[in-house]
Protein backbone atom coordinates (compact mmCIF):
# COMPACT_ATOMS: atom_id res chain seq x y z
CA UNK A 1 0.09 0.19 -0.30
CA UNK A 2 2.99 2.59 0.86
CA UNK A 3 4.95 1.65 -2.28
CA UNK A 4 1.49 1.96 -4.17
CA UNK A 5 0.93 5.64 -2.70
CA UNK A 6 4.46 6.73 -3.19
CA UNK A 7 4.34 5.66 -6.85
CA UNK A 8 1.35 7.87 -7.27
CA UNK A 9 2.82 10.77 -5.74
CA UNK A 10 5.97 10.41 -8.09
CA UNK A 11 3.42 9.76 -11.02
CA UNK A 12 1.61 12.52 -10.32
CA UNK A 13 4.70 14.95 -10.15
CA UNK A 14 6.16 13.82 -13.19
CA UNK A 15 3.15 14.75 -15.23
CA UNK A 16 2.89 17.94 -13.76
CA UNK A 17 6.33 18.47 -14.73
CA UNK A 18 5.96 17.03 -17.87
CA UNK A 19 3.04 19.76 -18.47
CA UNK A 20 4.96 23.03 -17.46
CA UNK A 21 7.15 21.70 -20.33
CA UNK A 22 4.95 20.86 -22.67
CA UNK A 23 5.48 23.54 -25.21
CA UNK A 24 7.08 22.84 -28.47
CA UNK A 25 10.98 24.40 -28.40
CA UNK A 26 11.16 27.39 -30.00
CA UNK A 27 15.34 27.09 -31.48
CA UNK A 28 17.25 29.85 -33.86
CA UNK A 29 18.94 28.78 -36.58
CA UNK A 30 21.15 31.88 -38.36
CA UNK A 31 18.73 34.80 -38.27
CA UNK A 32 15.51 33.23 -37.73
CA UNK A 33 13.12 31.57 -35.00
CA UNK A 34 11.56 27.82 -35.76
CA UNK A 35 9.67 25.60 -33.92
CA UNK A 36 12.11 22.44 -33.21
CA UNK A 37 9.36 20.39 -33.31
CA UNK A 38 7.54 21.09 -36.55
CA UNK A 39 10.64 22.72 -38.15
CA UNK A 40 8.38 25.70 -39.38
CA UNK A 41 9.53 28.98 -38.78
CA UNK A 42 7.93 31.07 -35.64
CA UNK A 43 6.70 34.66 -35.68
CA UNK A 44 6.31 36.49 -32.40
CA UNK A 45 2.69 37.57 -32.33
CA UNK A 46 2.25 39.21 -29.12
CA UNK A 47 1.66 42.02 -26.73
CA UNK A 48 3.26 43.82 -24.16
CA UNK A 49 1.97 42.33 -21.17
CA UNK A 50 2.13 44.87 -17.50
CA UNK A 51 -0.97 45.68 -15.78
CA UNK A 52 -0.39 48.51 -13.06
CA UNK A 53 -4.00 49.74 -12.70
CA UNK A 54 -4.67 49.08 -9.40
CA UNK A 55 -1.42 47.51 -7.96
CA UNK A 56 -1.43 48.10 -4.64
CA UNK A 57 2.28 46.81 -4.09
CA UNK A 58 5.59 48.65 -5.49
CA UNK A 59 6.52 44.95 -6.97
CA UNK A 60 4.17 44.41 -9.96
CA UNK A 61 3.82 41.01 -11.13
CA UNK A 62 1.22 40.15 -13.62
CA UNK A 63 2.06 36.27 -13.85
CA UNK A 64 1.23 36.33 -9.76
CA UNK A 65 -2.67 37.26 -10.35
CA UNK A 66 -4.21 34.77 -11.15
CA UNK A 67 -7.52 36.39 -11.81
CA UNK A 68 -6.11 39.24 -13.88
CA UNK A 69 -3.85 36.55 -15.70
CA UNK A 70 -6.89 34.05 -16.55
CA UNK A 71 -8.96 37.16 -17.53
CA UNK A 72 -6.33 38.32 -20.20
CA UNK A 73 -5.90 35.02 -21.63
CA UNK A 74 -9.39 35.15 -23.00
CA UNK A 75 -8.27 38.13 -24.86
CA UNK A 76 -4.93 36.99 -26.25
CA UNK A 77 -6.58 33.86 -27.78
CA UNK A 78 -9.38 35.95 -29.27
CA UNK A 79 -6.79 38.04 -30.70
CA UNK A 80 -4.94 35.16 -31.97
CA UNK A 81 -1.69 35.65 -29.91
CA UNK A 82 1.32 33.31 -29.22
CA UNK A 83 3.34 35.13 -26.95
CA UNK A 84 3.58 38.13 -24.54
CA UNK A 85 6.46 40.15 -22.98
CA UNK A 86 6.45 40.79 -19.60
CA UNK A 87 9.05 43.23 -18.22
CA UNK A 88 8.62 42.92 -14.58
CA UNK A 89 7.89 39.96 -12.01
CA UNK A 90 8.55 39.23 -8.61
CA UNK A 91 10.51 35.48 -8.57
CA UNK A 92 9.44 35.05 -5.04
CA UNK A 93 5.67 34.39 -6.36
CA UNK A 94 3.89 31.48 -7.37
CA UNK A 95 3.61 31.62 -11.33
CA UNK A 96 2.11 28.20 -12.08
CA UNK A 97 -1.32 28.83 -12.43
CA UNK A 98 -0.99 31.45 -14.79
CA UNK A 99 1.64 29.64 -16.35
CA UNK A 100 -0.49 26.85 -17.04
CA UNK A 101 -3.25 28.88 -18.21
CA UNK A 102 -1.23 30.80 -21.06
CA UNK A 103 0.36 27.19 -21.80
CA UNK A 104 -3.04 26.10 -22.10
CA UNK A 105 -3.58 28.94 -24.72
CA UNK A 106 -0.44 28.22 -26.58
CA UNK A 107 0.96 31.36 -25.25
CA UNK A 108 5.10 31.43 -24.75
CA UNK A 109 6.25 34.55 -22.81
CA UNK A 110 9.38 36.70 -23.11
CA UNK A 111 10.83 37.76 -20.02
CA UNK A 112 12.95 40.79 -19.25
CA UNK A 113 15.87 40.18 -16.75
CA UNK A 114 16.26 43.36 -15.03
CA UNK A 115 13.38 45.19 -13.23
CA UNK A 116 13.56 48.95 -12.23
CA UNK A 117 15.29 48.18 -8.94
CA UNK A 118 17.50 46.09 -10.20
CA UNK A 119 18.77 47.05 -13.77
CA UNK A 120 21.82 48.47 -15.18
CA UNK A 121 21.99 52.39 -14.97
CA UNK A 122 22.46 53.95 -18.28
CA UNK A 123 24.16 57.04 -17.03
CA UNK A 124 26.69 55.22 -14.22
CA UNK A 125 26.79 51.40 -15.24
CA UNK A 126 27.83 49.01 -14.02
CA UNK A 127 27.60 44.91 -13.18
CA UNK A 128 28.12 43.49 -10.42
CA UNK A 129 27.00 40.54 -8.08
CA UNK A 130 24.09 42.17 -6.62
CA UNK A 131 22.28 42.26 -9.98
CA UNK A 132 23.47 39.37 -11.35
CA UNK A 133 21.94 37.49 -8.16
CA UNK A 134 18.65 39.33 -8.61
CA UNK A 135 18.58 38.33 -12.30
CA UNK A 136 19.73 34.61 -11.15
CA UNK A 137 16.97 34.11 -9.03
CA UNK A 138 14.36 34.93 -11.81
CA UNK A 139 15.79 32.38 -13.93
CA UNK A 140 15.72 30.01 -11.53
CA UNK A 141 11.99 30.77 -10.56
CA UNK A 142 10.92 30.51 -14.02
CA UNK A 143 13.70 27.31 -15.18
CA UNK A 144 10.61 24.88 -14.29
CA UNK A 145 8.30 26.16 -16.75
CA UNK A 146 11.01 24.67 -19.42
CA UNK A 147 9.71 25.99 -23.00
CA UNK A 148 7.27 28.30 -22.25
CA UNK A 149 9.92 30.73 -21.59
CA UNK A 150 10.57 31.39 -25.22
CA UNK A 151 13.43 34.69 -24.78
CA UNK A 152 15.47 36.99 -22.25
CA UNK A 153 15.75 40.37 -22.61
CA UNK A 154 19.05 41.47 -20.55
CA UNK A 155 18.44 45.43 -21.49
CA UNK A 156 15.44 47.60 -22.80
CA UNK A 157 17.14 50.83 -24.21
CA UNK A 158 19.76 51.53 -21.89
CA UNK A 159 21.83 53.34 -23.79
CA UNK A 160 20.05 55.83 -25.34
CA UNK A 161 22.30 58.35 -26.65
CA UNK A 162 26.00 59.05 -27.39
CA UNK A 163 26.45 60.23 -23.53
CA UNK A 164 25.38 56.91 -22.34
CA UNK A 165 27.06 54.45 -25.30
CA UNK A 166 29.48 53.25 -22.24
CA UNK A 167 26.36 50.81 -20.47
CA UNK A 168 26.40 48.82 -24.22
CA UNK A 169 29.49 47.27 -22.24
CA UNK A 170 28.17 46.17 -19.39
CA UNK A 171 24.78 44.99 -20.93
CA UNK A 172 26.90 43.39 -23.31
CA UNK A 173 28.82 41.70 -20.43
CA UNK A 174 25.60 40.80 -18.70
CA UNK A 175 24.48 39.15 -21.81
CA UNK A 176 27.50 36.80 -21.45
CA UNK A 177 27.20 36.00 -17.92
CA UNK A 178 23.24 34.93 -17.99
CA UNK A 179 24.41 33.13 -21.21
CA UNK A 180 26.74 31.23 -19.49
CA UNK A 181 24.43 30.90 -16.39
CA UNK A 182 21.32 29.70 -18.61
CA UNK A 183 24.20 26.51 -20.10
CA UNK A 184 25.24 26.03 -16.46
CA UNK A 185 21.48 25.02 -15.67
CA UNK A 186 21.23 23.15 -18.71
CA UNK A 187 18.98 25.39 -20.64
CA UNK A 188 19.66 27.36 -24.11
CA UNK A 189 16.90 30.01 -24.05
CA UNK A 190 17.93 32.64 -25.94
CA UNK A 191 19.14 36.07 -24.67
CA UNK A 192 18.53 39.39 -26.40
CA UNK A 193 18.61 42.99 -26.33
CA UNK A 194 16.11 45.57 -27.35
CA UNK A 195 17.03 49.21 -28.22
CA UNK A 196 15.58 52.60 -28.84
CA UNK A 197 15.60 53.10 -32.08
CA UNK A 198 17.68 55.93 -31.75
CA UNK A 199 19.00 56.70 -35.09
CA UNK A 200 22.92 58.55 -33.88
CA UNK A 201 23.77 55.30 -32.10
CA UNK A 202 21.41 52.69 -33.78
CA UNK A 203 23.94 51.00 -36.25
CA UNK A 204 26.34 50.74 -33.33
CA UNK A 205 24.24 48.76 -31.12
CA UNK A 206 23.06 46.63 -34.04
CA UNK A 207 26.61 45.82 -34.93
CA UNK A 208 27.99 45.98 -30.80
CA UNK A 209 25.52 43.79 -30.14
CA UNK A 210 26.33 40.78 -32.67
CA UNK A 211 30.27 41.07 -33.51
CA UNK A 212 33.22 38.92 -31.34
CA UNK A 213 32.96 35.23 -29.53
CA UNK A 214 29.46 33.91 -29.81
CA UNK A 215 29.51 33.68 -25.95
CA UNK A 216 29.67 37.52 -25.92
CA UNK A 217 27.23 38.13 -28.77
CA UNK A 218 23.37 38.66 -28.07
CA UNK A 219 21.41 35.41 -29.42
CA UNK A 220 18.62 38.07 -30.84
CA UNK A 221 18.44 41.50 -30.90
CA UNK A 222 15.08 43.75 -30.79
CA UNK A 223 13.94 47.22 -31.82
CA UNK A 224 11.29 49.40 -29.48
CA UNK A 225 9.57 51.31 -32.54
CA UNK A 226 7.05 54.29 -32.81
CA UNK A 227 7.54 55.28 -36.17
CA UNK A 228 4.40 53.97 -38.08
CA UNK A 229 1.70 56.73 -36.73
CA UNK A 230 -1.57 56.12 -38.62
CA UNK A 231 -2.34 55.31 -42.16
CA UNK A 232 -1.36 58.34 -43.78
CA UNK A 233 2.07 56.92 -42.98
CA UNK A 234 3.12 53.76 -45.28
CA UNK A 235 6.52 51.27 -45.32
CA UNK A 236 8.58 53.98 -46.86
CA UNK A 237 7.52 57.72 -44.91
CA UNK A 238 7.66 55.83 -41.34
CA UNK A 239 11.24 54.81 -41.89
CA UNK A 240 10.07 51.24 -41.60
CA UNK A 241 11.63 50.24 -44.88
CA UNK A 242 15.12 51.98 -43.54
CA UNK A 243 15.11 49.93 -40.94
CA UNK A 244 14.45 46.91 -42.33
CA UNK A 245 17.10 47.24 -44.56
CA UNK A 246 19.31 47.67 -41.46
CA UNK A 247 18.50 44.54 -40.62
CA UNK A 248 18.66 42.68 -43.82
CA UNK A 249 22.15 40.96 -43.47
CA UNK A 250 21.87 40.46 -40.00
CA UNK A 251 22.97 36.61 -38.80
CA UNK A 252 20.80 36.65 -35.54
CA UNK A 253 17.37 37.04 -35.48
CA UNK A 254 15.82 40.66 -35.25
CA UNK A 255 11.93 41.34 -34.21
CA UNK A 256 10.28 44.69 -32.79
CA UNK A 257 10.36 44.10 -29.22
CA UNK A 258 7.69 47.49 -29.07
CA UNK A 259 5.77 48.67 -31.67
CA UNK A 260 2.50 50.97 -32.06
CA UNK A 261 2.55 54.94 -32.08
CA UNK A 262 -0.52 55.86 -30.35
CA UNK A 263 -0.43 59.48 -31.68
CA UNK A 264 -3.57 58.78 -33.73
CA UNK A 265 -6.45 57.20 -31.61
CA UNK A 266 -8.05 54.81 -32.26
CA UNK A 267 -5.21 52.53 -33.74
CA UNK A 268 -5.51 50.51 -37.03
CA UNK A 269 -2.19 48.95 -36.94
CA UNK A 270 -1.39 49.27 -40.36
CA UNK A 271 2.53 48.41 -39.62
CA UNK A 272 0.91 44.95 -38.92
CA UNK A 273 0.58 44.17 -43.03
CA UNK A 274 4.33 45.05 -43.32
CA UNK A 275 5.79 43.17 -40.16
CA UNK A 276 4.30 40.00 -41.27
CA UNK A 277 4.29 40.64 -44.98
CA UNK A 278 6.77 41.10 -48.03
CA UNK A 279 8.37 43.86 -47.05
CA UNK A 280 9.55 42.63 -43.44
CA UNK A 281 8.49 39.19 -42.83
CA UNK A 282 12.00 37.89 -44.71
CA UNK A 283 13.88 39.92 -42.21
CA UNK A 284 11.72 40.17 -39.20
CA UNK A 285 10.67 37.49 -36.70
CA UNK A 286 7.24 38.84 -36.04
CA UNK A 287 6.92 41.74 -33.04
CA UNK A 288 5.44 42.68 -29.35
CA UNK A 289 2.38 45.50 -29.92
CA UNK A 290 3.04 47.98 -26.94
CA UNK A 291 0.68 47.71 -25.17
CA UNK A 292 -1.87 45.34 -23.80
CA UNK A 293 -3.59 47.43 -21.01
CA UNK A 294 -4.54 50.97 -20.99
CA UNK A 295 -2.39 52.98 -18.49
CA UNK A 296 -1.66 56.76 -18.04
CA UNK A 297 0.62 56.67 -21.33
CA UNK A 298 -2.89 55.56 -23.25
CA UNK A 299 -1.65 52.94 -25.39
CA UNK A 300 -3.69 50.29 -24.34
CA UNK A 301 -6.50 47.91 -25.55
CA UNK A 302 -8.14 46.81 -23.19
CA UNK A 303 -8.62 48.52 -19.41
CA UNK A 304 -8.08 46.36 -16.51
CA UNK A 305 -7.77 46.80 -12.73
CA UNK A 306 -5.15 44.38 -10.70
CA UNK A 307 -7.25 41.39 -9.16
CA UNK A 308 -10.61 42.01 -11.31
CA UNK A 309 -11.48 39.61 -13.84
CA UNK A 310 -13.14 42.29 -15.62
CA UNK A 311 -12.08 43.89 -18.77
CA UNK A 312 -13.44 46.94 -21.07
CA UNK A 313 -12.08 47.37 -24.57
CA UNK A 314 -10.59 50.03 -25.55
CA UNK A 315 -11.18 52.03 -29.45
CA UNK A 316 -7.77 50.03 -30.38
CA UNK A 317 -8.89 46.72 -29.66
CA UNK A 318 -10.71 46.00 -32.73
CA UNK A 319 -8.17 47.52 -35.08
CA UNK A 320 -5.55 45.25 -33.43
CA UNK A 321 -7.67 42.40 -34.34
CA UNK A 322 -8.17 42.83 -37.31
CA UNK A 323 -4.95 43.96 -38.12
CA UNK A 324 -3.37 40.45 -36.67
CA UNK A 325 -5.98 38.09 -38.10
CA UNK A 326 -4.88 39.78 -41.43
CA UNK A 327 -1.10 38.55 -40.63
CA UNK A 328 -0.26 35.18 -42.18
CA UNK A 329 3.62 35.49 -42.45
CA UNK A 330 5.07 32.98 -44.95
CA UNK A 331 8.33 31.65 -43.17
CA UNK A 332 10.53 28.89 -44.27
CA UNK A 333 10.99 25.49 -43.20
CA UNK A 334 13.69 25.06 -41.07
CA UNK A 335 15.56 21.92 -43.21
CA UNK A 336 15.55 23.71 -46.07
CA UNK A 337 16.78 27.11 -44.48
CA UNK A 338 20.50 27.89 -44.94
CA UNK A 339 22.14 31.15 -43.05
CA UNK A 340 24.25 33.08 -45.44
CA UNK A 341 24.45 36.32 -42.98
CA UNK A 342 27.81 37.00 -41.53
CA UNK A 343 28.60 38.52 -37.65
CA UNK A 344 28.74 42.30 -37.44
CA UNK A 345 32.00 43.48 -37.27
CA UNK A 346 32.64 45.08 -34.10
CA UNK A 347 32.46 49.35 -34.24
CA UNK A 348 35.38 51.20 -33.35
CA UNK A 349 35.73 53.41 -30.18
CA UNK A 350 34.75 57.57 -31.53
CA UNK A 351 33.30 60.58 -29.96
CA UNK A 352 30.03 59.13 -30.91
CA UNK A 353 30.33 55.33 -29.45
CA UNK A 354 32.56 55.55 -26.47
CA UNK A 355 33.02 51.41 -26.24
CA UNK A 356 36.16 49.74 -27.12
CA UNK A 357 35.41 46.26 -28.93
CA UNK A 358 38.29 44.61 -27.47
CA UNK A 359 37.39 44.39 -23.99
CA UNK A 360 34.28 43.70 -21.39
CA UNK A 361 33.44 44.16 -17.53
CA UNK A 362 34.24 41.30 -15.79
CA UNK A 363 32.22 38.70 -14.57
CA UNK A 364 30.88 39.59 -11.15
CA UNK A 365 32.58 37.65 -8.36
CA UNK A 366 31.38 37.64 -4.68
CA UNK A 367 34.21 35.68 -3.82
CA UNK A 368 36.72 38.06 -5.28
CA UNK A 369 35.22 41.15 -3.33
CA UNK A 370 34.76 39.26 -0.02
CA UNK A 371 38.98 38.34 -0.59
CA UNK A 372 39.53 41.91 -1.34
CA UNK A 373 38.04 43.69 1.58
CA UNK A 374 39.63 40.90 3.83
CA UNK A 375 42.92 42.14 2.74
CA UNK A 376 42.33 45.41 3.26
CA UNK A 377 44.38 47.51 6.70
CA UNK A 378 41.68 50.00 6.80
CA UNK A 379 38.05 49.45 6.00
CA UNK A 380 34.35 50.54 7.43
CA UNK A 381 33.43 48.87 10.94
CA UNK A 382 29.71 47.87 8.62
CA UNK A 383 30.19 47.56 4.64
CA UNK A 384 26.33 48.33 4.37
CA UNK A 385 26.87 51.87 4.46
CA UNK A 386 23.96 54.26 5.98
CA UNK A 387 22.71 56.77 4.04
CA UNK A 388 24.49 59.58 5.76
CA UNK A 389 27.58 57.55 5.63
CA UNK A 390 27.50 57.50 2.16
CA UNK A 391 27.06 61.19 1.51
CA UNK A 392 30.28 61.23 3.78
CA UNK A 393 32.05 59.46 2.18
CA UNK A 394 31.14 60.36 -1.55
CA UNK A 395 33.73 63.11 -1.45
CA UNK A 396 36.25 61.63 0.65
CA UNK A 397 37.17 58.78 -2.21
CA UNK A 398 37.07 61.73 -4.79
CA UNK A 399 39.35 63.83 -3.25
CA UNK A 400 41.67 60.50 -2.74
CA UNK A 401 41.31 59.65 -6.60
CA UNK A 402 41.72 62.98 -7.63
CA UNK A 403 45.56 62.53 -6.12
CA UNK A 404 46.41 58.77 -6.70
CA UNK A 405 45.34 56.03 -8.83
CA UNK A 406 42.03 54.28 -8.74
CA UNK A 407 42.12 52.19 -11.63
CA UNK A 408 41.75 48.97 -9.74
CA UNK A 409 38.31 49.75 -9.01
CA UNK A 410 37.46 51.98 -12.08
CA UNK A 411 36.88 51.95 -16.08
CA UNK A 412 37.16 53.80 -18.99
CA UNK A 413 34.83 52.15 -21.56
CA UNK A 414 36.68 53.90 -24.61
CA UNK A 415 39.73 52.21 -24.00
CA UNK A 416 38.61 48.72 -22.91
CA UNK A 417 40.03 49.17 -19.43
CA UNK A 418 38.12 47.62 -16.50
CA UNK A 419 39.76 47.31 -12.76
CA UNK A 420 40.17 43.85 -11.12
CA UNK A 421 37.43 45.25 -8.82
CA UNK A 422 35.26 46.98 -10.81
CA UNK A 423 32.43 44.07 -10.71
CA UNK A 424 32.51 44.72 -6.59
CA UNK A 425 29.43 47.18 -5.44
CA UNK A 426 30.11 50.87 -4.77
CA UNK A 427 30.80 50.03 -0.98
CA UNK A 428 33.61 47.48 -1.68
CA UNK A 429 34.79 49.95 -3.90
CA UNK A 430 34.90 52.59 -1.46
CA UNK A 431 36.50 50.56 0.57
CA UNK A 432 39.36 50.04 -1.48
CA UNK A 433 39.71 53.97 -2.14
CA UNK A 434 39.94 54.23 1.53
CA UNK A 435 42.39 51.76 1.96
CA UNK A 436 44.34 53.17 -0.64
CA UNK A 437 44.61 55.99 1.26
CA UNK A 438 45.80 54.77 4.29
CA UNK A 439 48.67 52.61 2.57
CA UNK A 440 49.68 56.48 0.83
CA UNK A 441 49.62 57.77 4.12
CA UNK A 442 51.75 54.64 5.09
CA UNK A 443 49.26 53.45 7.57
CA UNK A 444 49.07 56.50 9.56
CA UNK A 445 45.60 57.35 10.03
CA UNK A 446 42.51 55.19 9.21
CA UNK A 447 40.04 58.10 9.29
CA UNK A 448 37.18 59.44 7.23
CA UNK A 449 35.17 62.07 8.46
CA UNK A 450 31.46 61.29 8.63
CA UNK A 451 32.04 57.47 8.31
CA UNK A 452 32.91 54.42 10.91
CA UNK A 453 36.05 53.25 9.82
CA UNK A 454 38.73 50.55 11.78
CA UNK A 455 42.25 49.49 11.06
CA UNK A 456 42.44 45.94 10.61
CA UNK A 457 46.15 45.29 12.37
CA UNK A 458 46.25 41.49 10.28
CA UNK A 459 44.03 41.49 7.49
CA UNK A 460 42.63 37.94 6.59
CA UNK A 461 44.56 38.36 3.45
CA UNK A 462 47.88 38.95 3.07
CA UNK A 463 48.17 39.55 -0.54
CA UNK A 464 45.16 40.38 -2.71
CA UNK A 465 46.93 38.86 -5.86
CA UNK A 466 45.33 35.58 -4.72
CA UNK A 467 41.93 37.29 -4.81
CA UNK A 468 41.93 37.35 -8.64
CA UNK A 469 42.18 33.69 -8.60
CA UNK A 470 38.71 33.21 -6.64
CA UNK A 471 35.75 31.66 -8.80
CA UNK A 472 33.56 34.25 -10.52
CA UNK A 473 29.30 33.88 -9.80
CA UNK A 474 29.23 31.03 -12.89
CA UNK A 475 31.85 28.99 -11.29
CA UNK A 476 34.54 29.92 -13.12
CA UNK A 477 38.20 30.81 -12.09
CA UNK A 478 38.93 34.22 -12.09
CA UNK A 479 41.43 36.03 -14.20
CA UNK A 480 43.17 39.74 -13.91
CA UNK A 481 41.24 42.07 -15.70
CA UNK A 482 43.50 43.39 -18.88
CA UNK A 483 45.56 46.73 -19.24
CA UNK A 484 45.29 47.28 -14.92
CA UNK A 485 47.74 46.57 -12.50
CA UNK A 486 46.98 44.14 -9.49
CA UNK A 487 46.78 44.61 -5.64
CA UNK A 488 46.39 48.01 -4.16
CA UNK A 489 49.47 49.76 -5.59
CA UNK A 490 49.72 52.16 -7.96
CA UNK A 491 48.05 51.40 -11.51
CA UNK A 492 46.81 53.67 -14.36
CA UNK A 493 44.33 55.59 -14.06
CA UNK A 494 40.96 54.75 -15.67
CA UNK A 495 38.53 57.32 -16.55
CA UNK A 496 34.90 56.46 -14.75
CA UNK A 497 32.86 53.98 -12.57
CA UNK A 498 29.19 52.85 -12.40
CA UNK A 499 26.48 52.98 -9.80
CA UNK A 500 26.07 50.03 -7.40
CA UNK A 501 24.62 49.89 -4.27
CA UNK A 502 25.77 52.40 -1.70
CA UNK A 503 28.43 55.07 -1.31
CA UNK A 504 28.30 58.52 -1.13
CA UNK A 505 28.33 62.39 -2.37
CA UNK A 506 29.50 64.82 0.00
CA UNK A 507 31.40 65.19 2.86
CA UNK A 508 35.23 66.04 3.67
CA UNK A 509 38.57 64.36 4.10
CA UNK A 510 42.01 64.50 3.25
CA UNK A 511 44.76 62.21 0.96
CA UNK A 512 47.99 62.10 0.46
CA UNK A 513 49.90 62.28 -2.59
CA UNK A 514 50.81 58.85 -3.96
CA UNK A 515 54.87 59.25 -4.39
CA UNK A 516 55.07 56.63 -7.24
CA UNK A 517 52.60 57.58 -9.34
CA UNK A 518 51.14 61.08 -9.29
CA UNK A 519 48.13 61.76 -11.41
CA UNK A 520 48.27 64.53 -13.84
CA UNK A 521 45.46 66.95 -14.33
CA UNK A 522 43.38 65.24 -16.88
CA UNK A 523 43.45 62.01 -14.79
CA UNK A 524 42.83 63.86 -11.91
CA UNK A 525 39.29 65.23 -13.21
CA UNK A 526 38.87 62.01 -14.64
CA UNK A 527 39.28 60.00 -11.21
CA UNK A 528 36.73 62.80 -9.47
CA UNK A 529 34.25 61.63 -12.20
CA UNK A 530 34.00 58.52 -11.38
CA UNK A 531 33.21 58.71 -7.54
CA UNK A 532 30.89 61.29 -8.46
CA UNK A 533 29.16 58.82 -10.63
CA UNK A 534 30.02 56.12 -7.34
CA UNK A 535 28.37 58.87 -5.19
CA UNK A 536 25.16 59.73 -7.66
CA UNK A 537 24.89 55.41 -7.39
CA UNK A 538 24.50 55.48 -3.86
CA UNK A 539 21.85 58.29 -4.00
CA UNK A 540 20.01 56.61 -6.32
CA UNK A 541 19.51 53.64 -4.72
CA UNK A 542 18.75 55.09 -1.73
CA UNK A 543 15.23 56.46 -3.36
CA UNK A 544 14.15 53.10 -4.29
């Protein structure tokens, strides 16, 4: 009797597991998506899905709103959709009921890895253990749904002008690391990027995310585009023809990750005919209409409220339904398709593209950063700085890096230079800087006005060069970053650094001149700029 009961339970669990992964796998071959089981080309027919009206918390998660999800699945079926894009979910929630309802309707899910709280900041970019751990937790929460999670997006409109192009290096590093993380879990789910169709940096972004080693390239490329505004515009005058031309010889799949200008309402979505027809169907793998629910920005085709089973159609609903009903893309069979395109050439660093093609930021490593902290002779009593301490530390580290090299915790994306500890969080980097000042003063004073510091007589780690061999967060043995020195000695200056969890903005301290490597005025300004970014990151962090 006991054996029979256990066998029944095991059978039920097995059946449930198989049900969650029952959807046909969608795979990539060349520049196209295919249904691996049928061999048919796959075109995304989707909507952006992030209801916000009626939300009672600061963490939206439509895939945990069972009533809302089941309500909306009926509309998805009515519209003839096969996919949705979801920007924010809480990985602590249970998503089984919603994912099962979507599966029953044949709906695949595209998920964004970042969230507003845990994303790469375009102005003060960084990629560290804290960010990666949150992204990995989201991946872990959705692993059990197997093929239903059809793609991940590692960045949405991060670089959106020339000044923010350095952020592209950090997003590409995130693509590299999350692809590796997925592989470590036995998954081949593609990881891509979605841009904002900025004309000045567009081609550099397109080429950058498709150049270099396969391990670092995006698996697909998305374009968020809002140029086609109403029936008076067409394929040529909207600029869609130019966008399509740019992607014609692209070697990885491309799709419209957002589309649907709302200047003229009700919308009739004339771009859908071109997207799934002869104009674009041979180049793009469909798209995601923005967006399903009516919010403050007035793009929705339905009005809903969290937890409510009722919905009301807006004037755009029937126009979108009619357009999608007429969308019948003519794809190719996977067996007969022979990719011809080549990988892109990496753009060179320039005044309008501030990213070197030669290097990426290092993979985050909690072990490396902890080892570095354990090597410091002067550090913070509590590495989790308070808001007031963070502000106090800000100007202090600015002064220090104005007088000595902080290259180990800084970066210069234009030169492809990344310090060995640039993937540590901002408090850890600030601790390294405080210790550098302590060493320069020949261990005379371990003090920062406004912050609690402590001198460590016998650090656990005597030589921080051993830290560079620590495993990264994926489990690989670390190697020193290129183009910088090692240890807490005197290294070449690098220009900026990004934002992480905590640091500061204003206070006061003094630093002694680095006798062996005094910095020039330009280098001093660059170092100061780096720390201002570090400090701004802390202020931004406390706003969340």
